[in-house]
Amino acid sequence: MVRAWLRKNSRLIRTVCSTPEEAAAWAMTQWTRARAESLTPVPEWIVDEEQERSNLYELRVGNDISKGLWVKGPSMVSWGVVGTAERCH
């Protein structure tokens, strides 16, 4: 399902990363922004360091990541990283 994004218009793509480390850092930026605007407090057991480790691990082993939070508004903010063998956007 996440790979369906590869067929989306390139204007919906926010960034293109070359390494898992770069993509994990981008995902953490999105997490930090969304967490700051979270509609309800993020549980204490969800810590940034674990998010960062988990993102990097998943990307290094070839998995995609998809995350999201309800933010003030209320709106849902979601983001994902889709790994590919080629540059598609």
PDB file of N, CA and C in Angstrom:
ATOM      1  N   MET A   1       0.813  -1.190   0.000  1.00  0.00           N
ATOM      2  CA  MET A   1       0.000   0.000   0.000  1.00  0.00           C
ATOM      3  C   MET A   1       0.860   1.259   0.000  1.00  0.00           C
ATOM      4  N   VAL A   2       1.898   1.308   0.844  1.00  0.00           N
ATOM      5  CA  VAL A   2       2.740   2.499   0.897  1.00  0.00           C
ATOM      6  C   VAL A   2       3.410   2.738  -0.449  1.00  0.00           C
ATOM      7  N   ARG A   3       3.771   1.675  -1.136  1.00  0.00           N
ATOM      8  CA  ARG A   3       4.451   1.826  -2.424  1.00  0.00           C
ATOM      9  C   ARG A   3       3.580   2.479  -3.484  1.00  0.00           C
ATOM     10  N   ALA A   4       2.277   2.570  -3.253  1.00  0.00           N
ATOM     11  CA  ALA A   4       1.401   3.285  -4.184  1.00  0.00           C
ATOM     12  C   ALA A   4       1.844   4.739  -4.315  1.00  0.00           C
ATOM     13  N   TRP A   5       2.537   5.250  -3.312  1.00  0.00           N
ATOM     14  CA  TRP A   5       3.032   6.627  -3.375  1.00  0.00           C
ATOM     15  C   TRP A   5       4.008   6.810  -4.526  1.00  0.00           C
ATOM     16  N   LEU A   6       4.640   5.757  -4.958  1.00  0.00           N
ATOM     17  CA  LEU A   6       5.595   5.880  -6.058  1.00  0.00           C
ATOM     18  C   LEU A   6       4.916   6.313  -7.349  1.00  0.00           C
ATOM     19  N   ARG A   7       3.609   6.119  -7.429  1.00  0.00           N
ATOM     20  CA  ARG A   7       2.851   6.527  -8.615  1.00  0.00           C
ATOM     21  C   ARG A   7       2.225   7.914  -8.448  1.00  0.00           C
ATOM     22  N   LYS A   8       2.410   8.533  -7.309  1.00  0.00           N
ATOM     23  CA  LYS A   8       1.827   9.849  -7.049  1.00  0.00           C
ATOM     24  C   LYS A   8       2.575  10.942  -7.813  1.00  0.00           C
ATOM     25  N   ASN A   9       1.900  12.053  -7.984  1.00  0.00           N
ATOM     26  CA  ASN A   9       2.504  13.220  -8.592  1.00  0.00           C
ATOM     27  C   ASN A   9       3.693  13.663  -7.746  1.00  0.00           C
ATOM     28  N   SER A  10       4.765  14.038  -8.375  1.00  0.00           N
ATOM     29  CA  SER A  10       5.980  14.410  -7.642  1.00  0.00           C
ATOM     30  C   SER A  10       5.786  15.626  -6.731  1.00  0.00           C
ATOM     31  N   ARG A  11       4.762  16.444  -6.949  1.00  0.00           N
ATOM     32  CA  ARG A  11       4.534  17.589  -6.056  1.00  0.00           C
ATOM     33  C   ARG A  11       4.144  17.149  -4.648  1.00  0.00           C
ATOM     34  N   LEU A  12       3.712  15.897  -4.481  1.00  0.00           N
ATOM     35  CA  LEU A  12       3.364  15.373  -3.162  1.00  0.00           C
ATOM     36  C   LEU A  12       4.569  14.824  -2.409  1.00  0.00           C
ATOM     37  N   ILE A  13       5.695  14.726  -3.089  1.00  0.00           N
ATOM     38  CA  ILE A  13       6.916  14.208  -2.473  1.00  0.00           C
ATOM     39  C   ILE A  13       7.658  15.382  -1.839  1.00  0.00           C
ATOM     40  N   ARG A  14       7.908  15.303  -0.543  1.00  0.00           N
ATOM     41  CA  ARG A  14       8.536  16.412   0.179  1.00  0.00           C
ATOM     42  C   ARG A  14      10.051  16.425   0.062  1.00  0.00           C
ATOM     43  N   THR A  15      10.654  15.251  -0.040  1.00  0.00           N
ATOM     44  CA  THR A  15      12.110  15.178  -0.133  1.00  0.00           C
ATOM     45  C   THR A  15      12.507  13.842  -0.726  1.00  0.00           C
ATOM     46  N   VAL A  16      13.708  13.789  -1.250  1.00  0.00           N
ATOM     47  CA  VAL A  16      14.291  12.548  -1.743  1.00  0.00           C
ATOM     48  C   VAL A  16      15.617  12.384  -1.013  1.00  0.00           C
ATOM     49  N   CYS A  17      15.781  11.267  -0.338  1.00  0.00           N
ATOM     50  CA  CYS A  17      16.987  11.002   0.447  1.00  0.00           C
ATOM     51  C   CYS A  17      17.817   9.916  -0.234  1.00  0.00           C
ATOM     52  N   SER A  18      19.113   9.954  -0.010  1.00  0.00           N
ATOM     53  CA  SER A  18      20.020   8.996  -0.639  1.00  0.00           C
ATOM     54  C   SER A  18      20.440   7.856   0.276  1.00  0.00           C
ATOM     55  N   THR A  19      20.280   8.026   1.591  1.00  0.00           N
ATOM     56  CA  THR A  19      20.722   7.005   2.540  1.00  0.00           C
ATOM     57  C   THR A  19      19.651   6.790   3.614  1.00  0.00           C
ATOM     58  N   PRO A  20      19.678   5.625   4.255  1.00  0.00           N
ATOM     59  CA  PRO A  20      18.753   5.411   5.379  1.00  0.00           C
ATOM     60  C   PRO A  20      18.949   6.441   6.488  1.00  0.00           C
ATOM     61  N   GLU A  21      20.179   6.847   6.728  1.00  0.00           N
ATOM     62  CA  GLU A  21      20.458   7.827   7.779  1.00  0.00           C
ATOM     63  C   GLU A  21      19.812   9.177   7.455  1.00  0.00           C
ATOM     64  N   GLU A  22      19.928   9.588   6.215  1.00  0.00           N
ATOM     65  CA  GLU A  22      19.324  10.850   5.791  1.00  0.00           C
ATOM     66  C   GLU A  22      17.796  10.778   5.885  1.00  0.00           C
ATOM     67  N   ALA A  23      17.228   9.660   5.457  1.00  0.00           N
ATOM     68  CA  ALA A  23      15.771   9.490   5.505  1.00  0.00           C
ATOM     69  C   ALA A  23      15.274   9.425   6.943  1.00  0.00           C
ATOM     70  N   ALA A  24      16.021   8.752   7.819  1.00  0.00           N
ATOM     71  CA  ALA A  24      15.631   8.667   9.232  1.00  0.00           C
ATOM     72  C   ALA A  24      15.677  10.045   9.882  1.00  0.00           C
ATOM     73  N   ALA A  25      16.667  10.842   9.534  1.00  0.00           N
ATOM     74  CA  ALA A  25      16.763  12.203  10.080  1.00  0.00           C
ATOM     75  C   ALA A  25      15.572  13.042   9.613  1.00  0.00           C
ATOM     76  N   TRP A  26      15.203  12.909   8.336  1.00  0.00           N
ATOM     77  CA  TRP A  26      14.038  13.628   7.823  1.00  0.00           C
ATOM     78  C   TRP A  26      12.765  13.198   8.560  1.00  0.00           C
ATOM     79  N   ALA A  27      12.606  11.896   8.748  1.00  0.00           N
ATOM     80  CA  ALA A  27      11.427  11.381   9.458  1.00  0.00           C
ATOM     81  C   ALA A  27      11.369  11.920  10.885  1.00  0.00           C
ATOM     82  N   MET A  28      12.518  12.042  11.533  1.00  0.00           N
ATOM     83  CA  MET A  28      12.533  12.590  12.895  1.00  0.00           C
ATOM     84  C   MET A  28      12.145  14.059  12.909  1.00  0.00           C
ATOM     85  N   THR A  29      12.510  14.794  11.883  1.00  0.00           N
ATOM     86  CA  THR A  29      12.095  16.196  11.786  1.00  0.00           C
ATOM     87  C   THR A  29      10.574  16.276  11.699  1.00  0.00           C
ATOM     88  N   GLN A  30       9.980  15.402  10.907  1.00  0.00           N
ATOM     89  CA  GLN A  30       8.526  15.382  10.784  1.00  0.00           C
ATOM     90  C   GLN A  30       7.877  15.007  12.119  1.00  0.00           C
ATOM     91  N   TRP A  31       8.443  14.014  12.799  1.00  0.00           N
ATOM     92  CA  TRP A  31       7.950  13.572  14.106  1.00  0.00           C
ATOM     93  C   TRP A  31       7.993  14.734  15.105  1.00  0.00           C
ATOM     94  N   THR A  32       9.116  15.440  15.151  1.00  0.00           N
ATOM     95  CA  THR A  32       9.287  16.535  16.102  1.00  0.00           C
ATOM     96  C   THR A  32       8.263  17.641  15.851  1.00  0.00           C
ATOM     97  N   ARG A  33       8.060  17.983  14.585  1.00  0.00           N
ATOM     98  CA  ARG A  33       7.069  19.015  14.244  1.00  0.00           C
ATOM     99  C   ARG A  33       5.658  18.581  14.633  1.00  0.00           C
ATOM    100  N   ALA A  34       5.301  17.352  14.296  1.00  0.00           N
ATOM    101  CA  ALA A  34       3.952  16.867  14.597  1.00  0.00           C
ATOM    102  C   ALA A  34       3.753  16.739  16.107  1.00  0.00           C
ATOM    103  N   ARG A  35       4.750  16.235  16.796  1.00  0.00           N
ATOM    104  CA  ARG A  35       4.640  16.062  18.250  1.00  0.00           C
ATOM    105  C   ARG A  35       4.406  17.403  18.938  1.00  0.00           C
ATOM    106  N   ALA A  36       5.041  18.448  18.456  1.00  0.00           N
ATOM    107  CA  ALA A  36       4.879  19.782  19.042  1.00  0.00           C
ATOM    108  C   ALA A  36       3.449  20.296  18.905  1.00  0.00           C
ATOM    109  N   GLU A  37       2.730  19.824  17.894  1.00  0.00           N
ATOM    110  CA  GLU A  37       1.364  20.267  17.639  1.00  0.00           C
ATOM    111  C   GLU A  37       0.324  19.187  17.954  1.00  0.00           C
ATOM    112  N   SER A  38       0.740  18.150  18.652  1.00  0.00           N
ATOM    113  CA  SER A  38      -0.133  17.004  18.920  1.00  0.00           C
ATOM    114  C   SER A  38      -1.428  17.420  19.613  1.00  0.00           C
ATOM    115  N   LEU A  39      -2.534  16.849  19.148  1.00  0.00           N
ATOM    116  CA  LEU A  39      -3.850  17.150  19.712  1.00  0.00           C
ATOM    117  C   LEU A  39      -3.946  16.671  21.160  1.00  0.00           C
ATOM    118  N   THR A  40      -3.366  15.513  21.425  1.00  0.00           N
ATOM    119  CA  THR A  40      -3.303  14.974  22.788  1.00  0.00           C
ATOM    120  C   THR A  40      -1.852  14.657  23.101  1.00  0.00           C
ATOM    121  N   PRO A  41      -1.478  14.670  24.366  1.00  0.00           N
ATOM    122  CA  PRO A  41      -0.074  14.390  24.698  1.00  0.00           C
ATOM    123  C   PRO A  41       0.355  13.006  24.203  1.00  0.00           C
ATOM    124  N   VAL A  42       1.559  12.959  23.652  1.00  0.00           N
ATOM    125  CA  VAL A  42       2.146  11.680  23.247  1.00  0.00           C
ATOM    126  C   VAL A  42       2.528  10.953  24.536  1.00  0.00           C
ATOM    127  N   PRO A  43       2.167   9.671  24.667  1.00  0.00           N
ATOM    128  CA  PRO A  43       2.494   8.944  25.904  1.00  0.00           C
ATOM    129  C   PRO A  43       3.989   9.003  26.231  1.00  0.00           C
ATOM    130  N   GLU A  44       4.287   9.034  27.515  1.00  0.00           N
ATOM    131  CA  GLU A  44       5.674   9.143  27.962  1.00  0.00           C
ATOM    132  C   GLU A  44       6.538   7.979  27.501  1.00  0.00           C
ATOM    133  N   TRP A  45       5.925   6.811  27.285  1.00  0.00           N
ATOM    134  CA  TRP A  45       6.714   5.648  26.872  1.00  0.00           C
ATOM    135  C   TRP A  45       7.139   5.717  25.410  1.00  0.00           C
ATOM    136  N   ILE A  46       6.623   6.690  24.665  1.00  0.00           N
ATOM    137  CA  ILE A  46       7.071   6.902  23.285  1.00  0.00           C
ATOM    138  C   ILE A  46       8.122   8.002  23.327  1.00  0.00           C
ATOM    139  N   VAL A  47       9.375   7.607  23.273  1.00  0.00           N
ATOM    140  CA  VAL A  47      10.480   8.569  23.399  1.00  0.00           C
ATOM    141  C   VAL A  47      11.138   8.797  22.037  1.00  0.00           C
ATOM    142  N   ASP A  48      11.644  10.001  21.861  1.00  0.00           N
ATOM    143  CA  ASP A  48      12.260  10.368  20.592  1.00  0.00           C
ATOM    144  C   ASP A  48      13.419   9.443  20.213  1.00  0.00           C
ATOM    145  N   GLU A  49      14.236   9.092  21.186  1.00  0.00           N
ATOM    146  CA  GLU A  49      15.394   8.250  20.894  1.00  0.00           C
ATOM    147  C   GLU A  49      14.973   6.896  20.340  1.00  0.00           C
ATOM    148  N   GLU A  50      13.893   6.345  20.863  1.00  0.00           N
ATOM    149  CA  GLU A  50      13.394   5.061  20.363  1.00  0.00           C
ATOM    150  C   GLU A  50      12.804   5.214  18.959  1.00  0.00           C
ATOM    151  N   GLN A  51      12.119   6.315  18.711  1.00  0.00           N
ATOM    152  CA  GLN A  51      11.610   6.587  17.372  1.00  0.00           C
ATOM    153  C   GLN A  51      12.770   6.645  16.376  1.00  0.00           C
ATOM    154  N   GLU A  52      13.813   7.339  16.772  1.00  0.00           N
ATOM    155  CA  GLU A  52      14.982   7.496  15.905  1.00  0.00           C
ATOM    156  C   GLU A  52      15.652   6.153  15.624  1.00  0.00           C
ATOM    157  N   ARG A  53      15.866   5.364  16.671  1.00  0.00           N
ATOM    158  CA  ARG A  53      16.487   4.031  16.509  1.00  0.00           C
ATOM    159  C   ARG A  53      15.624   3.126  15.645  1.00  0.00           C
ATOM    160  N   SER A  54      14.332   3.135  15.900  1.00  0.00           N
ATOM    161  CA  SER A  54      13.408   2.292  15.160  1.00  0.00           C
ATOM    162  C   SER A  54      13.365   2.676  13.679  1.00  0.00           C
ATOM    163  N   ASN A  55      13.267   3.969  13.398  1.00  0.00           N
ATOM    164  CA  ASN A  55      13.258   4.437  12.013  1.00  0.00           C
ATOM    165  C   ASN A  55      14.510   3.986  11.277  1.00  0.00           C
ATOM    166  N   LEU A  56      15.657   4.216  11.878  1.00  0.00           N
ATOM    167  CA  LEU A  56      16.914   3.883  11.231  1.00  0.00           C
ATOM    168  C   LEU A  56      17.034   2.375  11.014  1.00  0.00           C
ATOM    169  N   TYR A  57      16.674   1.582  12.012  1.00  0.00           N
ATOM    170  CA  TYR A  57      16.731   0.132  11.869  1.00  0.00           C
ATOM    171  C   TYR A  57      15.841  -0.337  10.724  1.00  0.00           C
ATOM    172  N   GLU A  58      14.593   0.099  10.724  1.00  0.00           N
ATOM    173  CA  GLU A  58      13.649  -0.334   9.685  1.00  0.00           C
ATOM    174  C   GLU A  58      14.141   0.027   8.291  1.00  0.00           C
ATOM    175  N   LEU A  59      14.658   1.227   8.137  1.00  0.00           N
ATOM    176  CA  LEU A  59      15.146   1.650   6.828  1.00  0.00           C
ATOM    177  C   LEU A  59      16.396   0.883   6.410  1.00  0.00           C
ATOM    178  N   ARG A  60      17.285   0.622   7.363  1.00  0.00           N
ATOM    179  CA  ARG A  60      18.508  -0.128   7.037  1.00  0.00           C
ATOM    180  C   ARG A  60      18.223  -1.560   6.608  1.00  0.00           C
ATOM    181  N   VAL A  61      17.166  -2.166   7.148  1.00  0.00           N
ATOM    182  CA  VAL A  61      16.851  -3.549   6.762  1.00  0.00           C
ATOM    183  C   VAL A  61      15.904  -3.604   5.560  1.00  0.00           C
ATOM    184  N   GLY A  62      15.590  -2.454   4.986  1.00  0.00           N
ATOM    185  CA  GLY A  62      14.810  -2.424   3.756  1.00  0.00           C
ATOM    186  C   GLY A  62      13.319  -2.248   3.913  1.00  0.00           C
ATOM    187  N   ASN A  63      12.875  -1.933   5.121  1.00  0.00           N
ATOM    188  CA  ASN A  63      11.445  -1.694   5.339  1.00  0.00           C
ATOM    189  C   ASN A  63      11.103  -0.226   5.122  1.00  0.00           C
ATOM    190  N   ASP A  64       9.876   0.020   4.734  1.00  0.00           N
ATOM    191  CA  ASP A  64       9.359   1.383   4.640  1.00  0.00           C
ATOM    192  C   ASP A  64       8.842   1.775   6.023  1.00  0.00           C
ATOM    193  N   ILE A  65       8.704   3.063   6.256  1.00  0.00           N
ATOM    194  CA  ILE A  65       8.091   3.518   7.504  1.00  0.00           C
ATOM    195  C   ILE A  65       6.935   4.449   7.169  1.00  0.00           C
ATOM    196  N   SER A  66       5.944   4.417   8.013  1.00  0.00           N
ATOM    197  CA  SER A  66       4.772   5.274   7.868  1.00  0.00           C
ATOM    198  C   SER A  66       4.314   5.666   9.261  1.00  0.00           C
ATOM    199  N   LYS A  67       4.184   6.950   9.498  1.00  0.00           N
ATOM    200  CA  LYS A  67       3.827   7.454  10.826  1.00  0.00           C
ATOM    201  C   LYS A  67       2.771   8.538  10.688  1.00  0.00           C
ATOM    202  N   GLY A  68       2.149   8.874  11.802  1.00  0.00           N
ATOM    203  CA  GLY A  68       1.179   9.950  11.800  1.00  0.00           C
ATOM    204  C   GLY A  68       0.708  10.294  13.196  1.00  0.00           C
ATOM    205  N   LEU A  69       0.239  11.498  13.354  1.00  0.00           N
ATOM    206  CA  LEU A  69      -0.315  11.980  14.627  1.00  0.00           C
ATOM    207  C   LEU A  69      -1.490  12.903  14.337  1.00  0.00           C
ATOM    208  N   TRP A  70      -2.459  12.872  15.232  1.00  0.00           N
ATOM    209  CA  TRP A  70      -3.520  13.877  15.198  1.00  0.00           C
ATOM    210  C   TRP A  70      -2.943  15.146  15.786  1.00  0.00           C
ATOM    211  N   VAL A  71      -3.126  16.251  15.080  1.00  0.00           N
ATOM    212  CA  VAL A  71      -2.605  17.532  15.556  1.00  0.00           C
ATOM    213  C   VAL A  71      -3.753  18.518  15.734  1.00  0.00           C
ATOM    214  N   LYS A  72      -3.429  19.625  16.369  1.00  0.00           N
ATOM    215  CA  LYS A  72      -4.443  20.652  16.617  1.00  0.00           C
ATOM    216  C   LYS A  72      -5.074  21.079  15.308  1.00  0.00           C
ATOM    217  N   GLY A  73      -6.336  21.307  15.363  1.00  0.00           N
ATOM    218  CA  GLY A  73      -7.057  21.712  14.161  1.00  0.00           C
ATOM    219  C   GLY A  73      -8.488  21.202  14.138  1.00  0.00           C
ATOM    220  N   PRO A  74      -8.815  19.972  14.398  1.00  0.00           N
ATOM    221  CA  PRO A  74      -7.931  18.794  14.405  1.00  0.00           C
ATOM    222  C   PRO A  74      -7.674  18.292  12.980  1.00  0.00           C
ATOM    223  N   SER A  75      -6.486  17.871  12.762  1.00  0.00           N
ATOM    224  CA  SER A  75      -6.070  17.319  11.481  1.00  0.00           C
ATOM    225  C   SER A  75      -5.144  16.140  11.739  1.00  0.00           C
ATOM    226  N   MET A  76      -5.030  15.294  10.763  1.00  0.00           N
ATOM    227  CA  MET A  76      -4.096  14.178  10.845  1.00  0.00           C
ATOM    228  C   MET A  76      -2.900  14.525   9.974  1.00  0.00           C
ATOM    229  N   VAL A  77      -1.728  14.466  10.559  1.00  0.00           N
ATOM    230  CA  VAL A  77      -0.490  14.660   9.806  1.00  0.00           C
ATOM    231  C   VAL A  77       0.149  13.285   9.669  1.00  0.00           C
ATOM    232  N   SER A  78       0.477  12.929   8.453  1.00  0.00           N
ATOM    233  CA  SER A  78       1.137  11.638   8.253  1.00  0.00           C
ATOM    234  C   SER A  78       2.325  11.817   7.320  1.00  0.00           C
ATOM    235  N   TRP A  79       3.294  10.931   7.471  1.00  0.00           N
ATOM    236  CA  TRP A  79       4.479  10.966   6.628  1.00  0.00           C
ATOM    237  C   TRP A  79       5.021   9.555   6.523  1.00  0.00           C
ATOM    238  N   GLY A  80       5.804   9.337   5.519  1.00  0.00           N
ATOM    239  CA  GLY A  80       6.372   8.011   5.320  1.00  0.00           C
ATOM    240  C   GLY A  80       7.646   8.105   4.518  1.00  0.00           C
ATOM    241  N   VAL A  81       8.411   7.047   4.592  1.00  0.00           N
ATOM    242  CA  VAL A  81       9.628   6.911   3.794  1.00  0.00           C
ATOM    243  C   VAL A  81       9.497   5.602   3.040  1.00  0.00           C
ATOM    244  N   VAL A  82       9.633   5.680   1.733  1.00  0.00           N
ATOM    245  CA  VAL A  82       9.534   4.505   0.880  1.00  0.00           C
ATOM    246  C   VAL A  82      10.895   4.285   0.230  1.00  0.00           C
ATOM    247  N   GLY A  83      11.496   3.146   0.511  1.00  0.00           N
ATOM    248  CA  GLY A  83      12.792   2.834  -0.069  1.00  0.00           C
ATOM    249  C   GLY A  83      12.649   2.256  -1.463  1.00  0.00           C
ATOM    250  N   THR A  84      13.529   2.659  -2.349  1.00  0.00           N
ATOM    251  CA  THR A  84      13.527   2.130  -3.714  1.00  0.00           C
ATOM    252  C   THR A  84      14.968   1.886  -4.144  1.00  0.00           C
ATOM    253  N   ALA A  85      15.135   1.053  -5.148  1.00  0.00           N
ATOM    254  CA  ALA A  85      16.459   0.808  -5.692  1.00  0.00           C
ATOM    255  C   ALA A  85      16.854   1.906  -6.689  1.00  0.00           C
ATOM    256  N   GLU A  86      15.886   2.692  -7.124  1.00  0.00           N
ATOM    257  CA  GLU A  86      16.146   3.740  -8.113  1.00  0.00           C
ATOM    258  C   GLU A  86      15.543   5.056  -7.645  1.00  0.00           C
ATOM    259  N   ARG A  87      16.071   6.135  -8.179  1.00  0.00           N
ATOM    260  CA  ARG A  87      15.448   7.450  -7.940  1.00  0.00           C
ATOM    261  C   ARG A  87      14.222   7.549  -8.820  1.00  0.00           C
ATOM    262  N   CYS A  88      13.077   7.774  -8.230  1.00  0.00           N
ATOM    263  CA  CYS A  88      11.854   7.833  -9.036  1.00  0.00           C
ATOM    264  C   CYS A  88      11.245   9.227  -9.048  1.00  0.00           C
ATOM    265  N   HIS A  89      11.710  10.131  -8.199  1.00  0.00           N
ATOM    266  CA  HIS A  89      11.172  11.492  -8.163  1.00  0.00           C
ATOM    267  C   HIS A  89      12.321  12.477  -8.074  1.00  0.00           C
TER     268      HIS A  89
END
